[in-house]
Amino acid sequence: MDQRNQFFIAHVFFLTALVFLLCAAVVVITRQRREWKPMLLALLPLSLIFLTAYLGKHWADAHQVVNIFYDGLMIYNTYYFWKVGQQLTFWFYILAVVSTALDFAMHFVIRPM
């Protein structure tokens, strides 16, 4: 497998998680713009996913620490939006969590290649 295919495989799940996070943020921004907690919960994972992507290239230890916070926040967001009855946002976060888990697993699949 050449370098380009490995790069694509490694990042396809990252990109799908990013798309689902963007969709969830758009839903929250359009529906709950005036409430601070949903806005913070929708925008914070977006900043953390970019921060973890940057740190993964430059500082692996910090990448792992920030990634733990990102993962925890994603699980909390899934629970929070389920509890408040925002079904569409809940499903976007479920799909983002699954994409993030697949991205994590894919790093172990392509590493031996």
Protein backbone atom coordinates (compact mmCIF):
# COMPACT_ATOMS: atom_id res chain seq x y z
CA MET A 1 0.00 0.00 0.00
CA ASP A 2 1.51 3.32 -1.02
CA GLN A 3 1.80 6.43 1.14
CA ARG A 4 -1.26 8.21 -0.33
CA ASN A 5 -3.59 5.29 0.34
CA GLN A 6 -2.37 5.02 3.93
CA PHE A 7 -2.95 8.74 4.45
CA PHE A 8 -6.48 8.51 3.02
CA ILE A 9 -7.39 5.46 5.09
CA ALA A 10 -5.97 7.05 8.24
CA HIS A 11 -7.95 10.24 7.84
CA VAL A 12 -11.26 9.22 6.30
CA PHE A 13 -12.81 8.58 9.72
CA PHE A 14 -11.34 11.80 11.11
CA LEU A 15 -13.03 13.69 8.28
CA THR A 16 -16.36 11.94 8.86
CA ALA A 17 -16.19 12.80 12.57
CA LEU A 18 -15.45 16.41 11.62
CA VAL A 19 -18.45 16.49 9.26
CA PHE A 20 -20.78 15.14 11.96
CA LEU A 21 -19.44 17.67 14.47
CA LEU A 22 -20.05 20.47 11.97
CA CYS A 23 -23.60 19.21 11.35
CA ALA A 24 -24.30 19.09 15.08
CA ALA A 25 -22.91 22.61 15.51
CA VAL A 26 -25.08 23.94 12.69
CA VAL A 27 -28.18 22.39 14.26
CA VAL A 28 -27.35 23.86 17.67
CA ILE A 29 -26.51 27.29 16.23
CA THR A 30 -29.77 27.45 14.29
CA ARG A 31 -32.01 26.09 17.06
CA GLN A 32 -30.41 27.13 20.34
CA ARG A 33 -28.40 30.21 19.50
CA ARG A 34 -29.36 32.09 22.66
CA GLU A 35 -28.50 29.31 25.13
CA TRP A 36 -24.87 29.30 26.25
CA LYS A 37 -24.50 25.66 27.34
CA PRO A 38 -25.53 23.97 24.06
CA MET A 39 -23.45 26.49 22.11
CA LEU A 40 -20.39 25.78 24.23
CA LEU A 41 -20.95 22.03 23.99
CA ALA A 42 -21.28 22.26 20.21
CA LEU A 43 -18.27 24.49 19.56
CA LEU A 44 -15.78 23.06 22.04
CA PRO A 45 -15.41 19.66 20.29
CA LEU A 46 -14.70 21.47 17.02
CA SER A 47 -11.84 23.38 18.59
CA LEU A 48 -10.53 20.23 20.30
CA ILE A 49 -10.59 18.13 17.13
CA PHE A 50 -8.45 20.71 15.33
CA LEU A 51 -6.15 20.99 18.34
CA THR A 52 -5.68 17.21 18.52
CA ALA A 53 -4.97 17.06 14.78
CA TYR A 54 -2.31 19.75 15.14
CA LEU A 55 -0.76 18.20 18.24
CA GLY A 56 -0.71 14.74 16.66
CA LYS A 57 1.82 15.99 14.17
CA HIS A 58 3.89 18.14 16.53
CA TRP A 59 3.59 16.82 20.10
CA ALA A 60 2.28 13.29 20.54
CA ASP A 61 2.01 13.30 24.34
CA ALA A 62 -0.11 16.45 24.40
CA HIS A 63 -2.17 14.99 21.54
CA GLN A 64 -3.10 12.01 23.71
CA VAL A 65 -4.06 14.17 26.69
CA VAL A 66 -6.25 16.52 24.64
CA ASN A 67 -7.75 13.52 22.86
CA ILE A 68 -8.92 12.10 26.20
CA PHE A 69 -10.76 15.35 26.92
CA TYR A 70 -12.20 15.34 23.39
CA ASP A 71 -13.46 11.76 23.75
CA GLY A 72 -15.00 12.46 27.13
CA LEU A 73 -16.69 15.59 25.84
CA MET A 74 -18.10 13.70 22.87
CA ILE A 75 -19.62 11.07 25.16
CA TYR A 76 -21.00 13.78 27.46
CA ASN A 77 -22.48 15.68 24.49
CA THR A 78 -24.18 12.52 23.28
CA TYR A 79 -25.74 12.03 26.71
CA TYR A 80 -26.63 15.72 27.14
CA PHE A 81 -28.43 16.10 23.81
CA TRP A 82 -30.24 12.79 24.33
CA LYS A 83 -31.37 13.93 27.78
CA VAL A 84 -32.69 17.32 26.56
CA GLY A 85 -34.52 15.65 23.67
CA GLN A 86 -32.51 17.02 20.75
CA GLN A 87 -32.71 13.85 18.67
CA LEU A 88 -31.02 15.12 15.52
CA THR A 89 -28.06 16.53 17.45
CA PHE A 90 -27.92 13.34 19.52
CA TRP A 91 -27.59 11.22 16.38
CA PHE A 92 -24.91 13.48 14.93
CA TYR A 93 -22.91 12.99 18.13
CA ILE A 94 -23.49 9.22 18.08
CA LEU A 95 -22.11 9.12 14.54
CA ALA A 96 -19.20 11.38 15.51
CA VAL A 97 -18.33 9.10 18.45
CA VAL A 98 -18.43 6.04 16.18
CA SER A 99 -16.27 7.81 13.58
CA THR A 100 -13.80 8.82 16.27
CA ALA A 101 -13.62 5.24 17.56
CA LEU A 102 -13.04 3.96 14.03
CA ASP A 103 -10.35 6.60 13.50
CA PHE A 104 -8.64 5.45 16.69
CA ALA A 105 -8.84 1.80 15.61
CA MET A 106 -7.59 2.60 12.12
CA HIS A 107 -4.34 3.98 13.52
CA PHE A 108 -3.56 0.50 14.83
CA VAL A 109 -4.52 -1.14 11.54
CA ILE A 110 -2.28 0.99 9.32
CA ARG A 111 0.64 1.32 11.77
CA PRO A 112 2.06 -2.15 10.95
CA MET A 113 1.87 -1.46 7.20
